[in-house]
Amino acid sequence: MPTTQEAQNRFKATVYHALSDPIRLEILDFLREEEKCVCEIIPQLNIIQPVFHGT
């Protein structure tokens, strides 16, 4: 059974891994000021929807 510290470290590693994708960081930057629809995000980041959906 992992300790609380080990569980926290695993959680942090998961979050950092998710943030290591440049597209995800671009999406977070774009959403920083307000909530947006996918139909607004896709053209702004110049990506196709299947790529967006897979992130």
PDB file of N, CA and C in Angstrom:
ATOM      1  N   MET A   1       0.850  -1.180   0.000  1.00  0.00           N
ATOM      2  CA  MET A   1       0.000   0.000   0.000  1.00  0.00           C
ATOM      3  C   MET A   1       0.894   1.241   0.000  1.00  0.00           C
ATOM      4  N   PRO A   2       0.697   2.148  -0.969  1.00  0.00           N
ATOM      5  CA  PRO A   2       1.542   3.341  -1.014  1.00  0.00           C
ATOM      6  C   PRO A   2       1.234   4.303   0.137  1.00  0.00           C
ATOM      7  N   THR A   3       2.267   4.994   0.573  1.00  0.00           N
ATOM      8  CA  THR A   3       2.074   6.004   1.616  1.00  0.00           C
ATOM      9  C   THR A   3       1.380   7.211   1.014  1.00  0.00           C
ATOM     10  N   THR A   4       0.950   8.103   1.870  1.00  0.00           N
ATOM     11  CA  THR A   4       0.309   9.328   1.405  1.00  0.00           C
ATOM     12  C   THR A   4       1.261  10.120   0.524  1.00  0.00           C
ATOM     13  N   GLN A   5       2.518  10.201   0.915  1.00  0.00           N
ATOM     14  CA  GLN A   5       3.510  10.940   0.130  1.00  0.00           C
ATOM     15  C   GLN A   5       3.704  10.304  -1.248  1.00  0.00           C
ATOM     16  N   GLU A   6       3.762   8.976  -1.286  1.00  0.00           N
ATOM     17  CA  GLU A   6       3.913   8.288  -2.570  1.00  0.00           C
ATOM     18  C   GLU A   6       2.702   8.533  -3.466  1.00  0.00           C
ATOM     19  N   ALA A   7       1.523   8.518  -2.885  1.00  0.00           N
ATOM     20  CA  ALA A   7       0.299   8.771  -3.654  1.00  0.00           C
ATOM     21  C   ALA A   7       0.286  10.198  -4.192  1.00  0.00           C
ATOM     22  N   GLN A   8       0.713  11.148  -3.376  1.00  0.00           N
ATOM     23  CA  GLN A   8       0.780  12.540  -3.822  1.00  0.00           C
ATOM     24  C   GLN A   8       1.791  12.693  -4.951  1.00  0.00           C
ATOM     25  N   ASN A   9       2.923  12.024  -4.836  1.00  0.00           N
ATOM     26  CA  ASN A   9       3.945  12.109  -5.882  1.00  0.00           C
ATOM     27  C   ASN A   9       3.452  11.504  -7.190  1.00  0.00           C
ATOM     28  N   ARG A  10       2.728  10.407  -7.100  1.00  0.00           N
ATOM     29  CA  ARG A  10       2.166   9.806  -8.320  1.00  0.00           C
ATOM     30  C   ARG A  10       1.148  10.727  -8.959  1.00  0.00           C
ATOM     31  N   PHE A  11       0.323  11.358  -8.141  1.00  0.00           N
ATOM     32  CA  PHE A  11      -0.658  12.308  -8.668  1.00  0.00           C
ATOM     33  C   PHE A  11       0.047  13.473  -9.362  1.00  0.00           C
ATOM     34  N   LYS A  12       1.053  14.019  -8.722  1.00  0.00           N
ATOM     35  CA  LYS A  12       1.810  15.130  -9.318  1.00  0.00           C
ATOM     36  C   LYS A  12       2.452  14.706 -10.634  1.00  0.00           C
ATOM     37  N   ALA A  13       3.004  13.513 -10.678  1.00  0.00           N
ATOM     38  CA  ALA A  13       3.639  13.018 -11.903  1.00  0.00           C
ATOM     39  C   ALA A  13       2.613  12.912 -13.028  1.00  0.00           C
ATOM     40  N   THR A  14       1.399  12.483 -12.689  1.00  0.00           N
ATOM     41  CA  THR A  14       0.340  12.379 -13.693  1.00  0.00           C
ATOM     42  C   THR A  14      -0.029  13.753 -14.239  1.00  0.00           C
ATOM     43  N   VAL A  15      -0.159  14.721 -13.354  1.00  0.00           N
ATOM     44  CA  VAL A  15      -0.498  16.086 -13.779  1.00  0.00           C
ATOM     45  C   VAL A  15       0.618  16.674 -14.635  1.00  0.00           C
ATOM     46  N   TYR A  16       1.852  16.531 -14.207  1.00  0.00           N
ATOM     47  CA  TYR A  16       2.981  17.063 -14.978  1.00  0.00           C
ATOM     48  C   TYR A  16       3.084  16.394 -16.335  1.00  0.00           C
ATOM     49  N   HIS A  17       2.808  15.099 -16.384  1.00  0.00           N
ATOM     50  CA  HIS A  17       2.842  14.397 -17.668  1.00  0.00           C
ATOM     51  C   HIS A  17       1.771  14.960 -18.606  1.00  0.00           C
ATOM     52  N   ALA A  18       0.571  15.189 -18.072  1.00  0.00           N
ATOM     53  CA  ALA A  18      -0.511  15.745 -18.892  1.00  0.00           C
ATOM     54  C   ALA A  18      -0.150  17.129 -19.417  1.00  0.00           C
ATOM     55  N   LEU A  19       0.563  17.907 -18.626  1.00  0.00           N
ATOM     56  CA  LEU A  19       0.932  19.262 -19.027  1.00  0.00           C
ATOM     57  C   LEU A  19       2.171  19.303 -19.923  1.00  0.00           C
ATOM     58  N   SER A  20       2.778  18.159 -20.171  1.00  0.00           N
ATOM     59  CA  SER A  20       3.985  18.149 -20.989  1.00  0.00           C
ATOM     60  C   SER A  20       3.673  18.212 -22.479  1.00  0.00           C
ATOM     61  N   ASP A  21       2.417  18.102 -22.848  1.00  0.00           N
ATOM     62  CA  ASP A  21       2.003  18.169 -24.251  1.00  0.00           C
ATOM     63  C   ASP A  21       1.823  19.633 -24.653  1.00  0.00           C
ATOM     64  N   PRO A  22       2.547  20.108 -25.659  1.00  0.00           N
ATOM     65  CA  PRO A  22       2.452  21.517 -26.070  1.00  0.00           C
ATOM     66  C   PRO A  22       1.039  21.936 -26.465  1.00  0.00           C
ATOM     67  N   ILE A  23       0.283  21.048 -27.090  1.00  0.00           N
ATOM     68  CA  ILE A  23      -1.090  21.407 -27.480  1.00  0.00           C
ATOM     69  C   ILE A  23      -1.948  21.637 -26.240  1.00  0.00           C
ATOM     70  N   ARG A  24      -1.777  20.807 -25.239  1.00  0.00           N
ATOM     71  CA  ARG A  24      -2.542  20.990 -24.001  1.00  0.00           C
ATOM     72  C   ARG A  24      -2.202  22.325 -23.344  1.00  0.00           C
ATOM     73  N   LEU A  25      -0.940  22.697 -23.382  1.00  0.00           N
ATOM     74  CA  LEU A  25      -0.542  23.993 -22.808  1.00  0.00           C
ATOM     75  C   LEU A  25      -1.144  25.151 -23.597  1.00  0.00           C
ATOM     76  N   GLU A  26      -1.188  25.017 -24.924  1.00  0.00           N
ATOM     77  CA  GLU A  26      -1.816  26.056 -25.744  1.00  0.00           C
ATOM     78  C   GLU A  26      -3.307  26.177 -25.416  1.00  0.00           C
ATOM     79  N   ILE A  27      -3.961  25.038 -25.243  1.00  0.00           N
ATOM     80  CA  ILE A  27      -5.380  25.052 -24.893  1.00  0.00           C
ATOM     81  C   ILE A  27      -5.587  25.728 -23.542  1.00  0.00           C
ATOM     82  N   LEU A  28      -4.766  25.412 -22.564  1.00  0.00           N
ATOM     83  CA  LEU A  28      -4.883  26.053 -21.248  1.00  0.00           C
ATOM     84  C   LEU A  28      -4.677  27.558 -21.337  1.00  0.00           C
ATOM     85  N   ASP A  29      -3.689  27.980 -22.116  1.00  0.00           N
ATOM     86  CA  ASP A  29      -3.464  29.419 -22.304  1.00  0.00           C
ATOM     87  C   ASP A  29      -4.678  30.082 -22.936  1.00  0.00           C
ATOM     88  N   PHE A  30      -5.267  29.420 -23.936  1.00  0.00           N
ATOM     89  CA  PHE A  30      -6.431  29.976 -24.622  1.00  0.00           C
ATOM     90  C   PHE A  30      -7.646  30.052 -23.698  1.00  0.00           C
ATOM     91  N   LEU A  31      -7.759  29.104 -22.777  1.00  0.00           N
ATOM     92  CA  LEU A  31      -8.908  29.068 -21.860  1.00  0.00           C
ATOM     93  C   LEU A  31      -8.688  29.868 -20.583  1.00  0.00           C
ATOM     94  N   ARG A  32      -7.518  30.453 -20.447  1.00  0.00           N
ATOM     95  CA  ARG A  32      -7.170  31.132 -19.202  1.00  0.00           C
ATOM     96  C   ARG A  32      -8.170  32.198 -18.779  1.00  0.00           C
ATOM     97  N   GLU A  33      -8.689  32.969 -19.725  1.00  0.00           N
ATOM     98  CA  GLU A  33      -9.555  34.090 -19.363  1.00  0.00           C
ATOM     99  C   GLU A  33     -11.034  33.735 -19.265  1.00  0.00           C
ATOM    100  N   GLU A  34     -11.478  32.766 -20.088  1.00  0.00           N
ATOM    101  CA  GLU A  34     -12.891  32.406 -20.044  1.00  0.00           C
ATOM    102  C   GLU A  34     -13.128  31.046 -20.693  1.00  0.00           C
ATOM    103  N   GLU A  35     -14.252  30.472 -20.365  1.00  0.00           N
ATOM    104  CA  GLU A  35     -14.660  29.197 -20.944  1.00  0.00           C
ATOM    105  C   GLU A  35     -14.965  29.401 -22.426  1.00  0.00           C
ATOM    106  N   LYS A  36     -14.581  28.411 -23.233  1.00  0.00           N
ATOM    107  CA  LYS A  36     -14.836  28.510 -24.663  1.00  0.00           C
ATOM    108  C   LYS A  36     -15.329  27.164 -25.185  1.00  0.00           C
ATOM    109  N   CYS A  37     -16.010  27.216 -26.295  1.00  0.00           N
ATOM    110  CA  CYS A  37     -16.516  26.029 -26.972  1.00  0.00           C
ATOM    111  C   CYS A  37     -15.396  25.425 -27.825  1.00  0.00           C
ATOM    112  N   VAL A  38     -15.474  24.128 -28.051  1.00  0.00           N
ATOM    113  CA  VAL A  38     -14.489  23.460 -28.904  1.00  0.00           C
ATOM    114  C   VAL A  38     -14.463  24.114 -30.278  1.00  0.00           C
ATOM    115  N   CYS A  39     -15.622  24.562 -30.754  1.00  0.00           N
ATOM    116  CA  CYS A  39     -15.687  25.200 -32.073  1.00  0.00           C
ATOM    117  C   CYS A  39     -14.876  26.502 -32.111  1.00  0.00           C
ATOM    118  N   GLU A  40     -14.549  27.074 -30.963  1.00  0.00           N
ATOM    119  CA  GLU A  40     -13.688  28.260 -30.894  1.00  0.00           C
ATOM    120  C   GLU A  40     -12.216  27.873 -30.728  1.00  0.00           C
ATOM    121  N   ILE A  41     -11.971  26.788 -30.024  1.00  0.00           N
ATOM    122  CA  ILE A  41     -10.599  26.367 -29.724  1.00  0.00           C
ATOM    123  C   ILE A  41      -9.891  25.833 -30.962  1.00  0.00           C
ATOM    124  N   ILE A  42     -10.576  24.991 -31.709  1.00  0.00           N
ATOM    125  CA  ILE A  42      -9.951  24.335 -32.861  1.00  0.00           C
ATOM    126  C   ILE A  42      -9.396  25.336 -33.874  1.00  0.00           C
ATOM    127  N   PRO A  43     -10.188  26.315 -34.337  1.00  0.00           N
ATOM    128  CA  PRO A  43      -9.616  27.253 -35.313  1.00  0.00           C
ATOM    129  C   PRO A  43      -8.508  28.137 -34.718  1.00  0.00           C
ATOM    130  N   GLN A  44      -8.634  28.480 -33.459  1.00  0.00           N
ATOM    131  CA  GLN A  44      -7.632  29.331 -32.814  1.00  0.00           C
ATOM    132  C   GLN A  44      -6.265  28.652 -32.778  1.00  0.00           C
ATOM    133  N   LEU A  45      -6.256  27.351 -32.524  1.00  0.00           N
ATOM    134  CA  LEU A  45      -5.002  26.619 -32.402  1.00  0.00           C
ATOM    135  C   LEU A  45      -4.578  25.960 -33.714  1.00  0.00           C
ATOM    136  N   ASN A  46      -5.429  26.107 -34.736  1.00  0.00           N
ATOM    137  CA  ASN A  46      -5.126  25.560 -36.059  1.00  0.00           C
ATOM    138  C   ASN A  46      -4.856  24.048 -35.991  1.00  0.00           C
ATOM    139  N   ILE A  47      -5.765  23.343 -35.321  1.00  0.00           N
ATOM    140  CA  ILE A  47      -5.664  21.889 -35.221  1.00  0.00           C
ATOM    141  C   ILE A  47      -6.956  21.269 -35.732  1.00  0.00           C
ATOM    142  N   ILE A  48      -6.908  19.978 -36.034  1.00  0.00           N
ATOM    143  CA  ILE A  48      -8.120  19.288 -36.467  1.00  0.00           C
ATOM    144  C   ILE A  48      -8.777  18.642 -35.254  1.00  0.00           C
ATOM    145  N   GLN A  49     -10.077  18.443 -35.318  1.00  0.00           N
ATOM    146  CA  GLN A  49     -10.808  17.964 -34.152  1.00  0.00           C
ATOM    147  C   GLN A  49     -10.325  16.614 -33.627  1.00  0.00           C
ATOM    148  N   PRO A  50     -10.029  15.611 -34.477  1.00  0.00           N
ATOM    149  CA  PRO A  50      -9.567  14.347 -33.891  1.00  0.00           C
ATOM    150  C   PRO A  50      -8.321  14.516 -33.022  1.00  0.00           C
ATOM    151  N   VAL A  51      -7.422  15.425 -33.394  1.00  0.00           N
ATOM    152  CA  VAL A  51      -6.240  15.676 -32.576  1.00  0.00           C
ATOM    153  C   VAL A  51      -6.673  16.306 -31.264  1.00  0.00           C
ATOM    154  N   PHE A  52      -7.565  17.258 -31.338  1.00  0.00           N
ATOM    155  CA  PHE A  52      -8.058  17.918 -30.131  1.00  0.00           C
ATOM    156  C   PHE A  52      -8.764  16.907 -29.246  1.00  0.00           C
ATOM    157  N   HIS A  53      -9.595  16.069 -29.832  1.00  0.00           N
ATOM    158  CA  HIS A  53     -10.367  15.103 -29.058  1.00  0.00           C
ATOM    159  C   HIS A  53      -9.463  14.120 -28.321  1.00  0.00           C
ATOM    160  N   GLY A  54      -8.311  13.809 -28.919  1.00  0.00           N
ATOM    161  CA  GLY A  54      -7.417  12.833 -28.316  1.00  0.00           C
ATOM    162  C   GLY A  54      -6.560  13.377 -27.201  1.00  0.00           C
ATOM    163  N   THR A  55      -6.605  14.674 -26.936  1.00  0.00           N
ATOM    164  CA  THR A  55      -5.753  15.239 -25.895  1.00  0.00           C
ATOM    165  C   THR A  55      -6.418  15.186 -24.562  1.00  0.00           C
TER     166      THR A  55
END
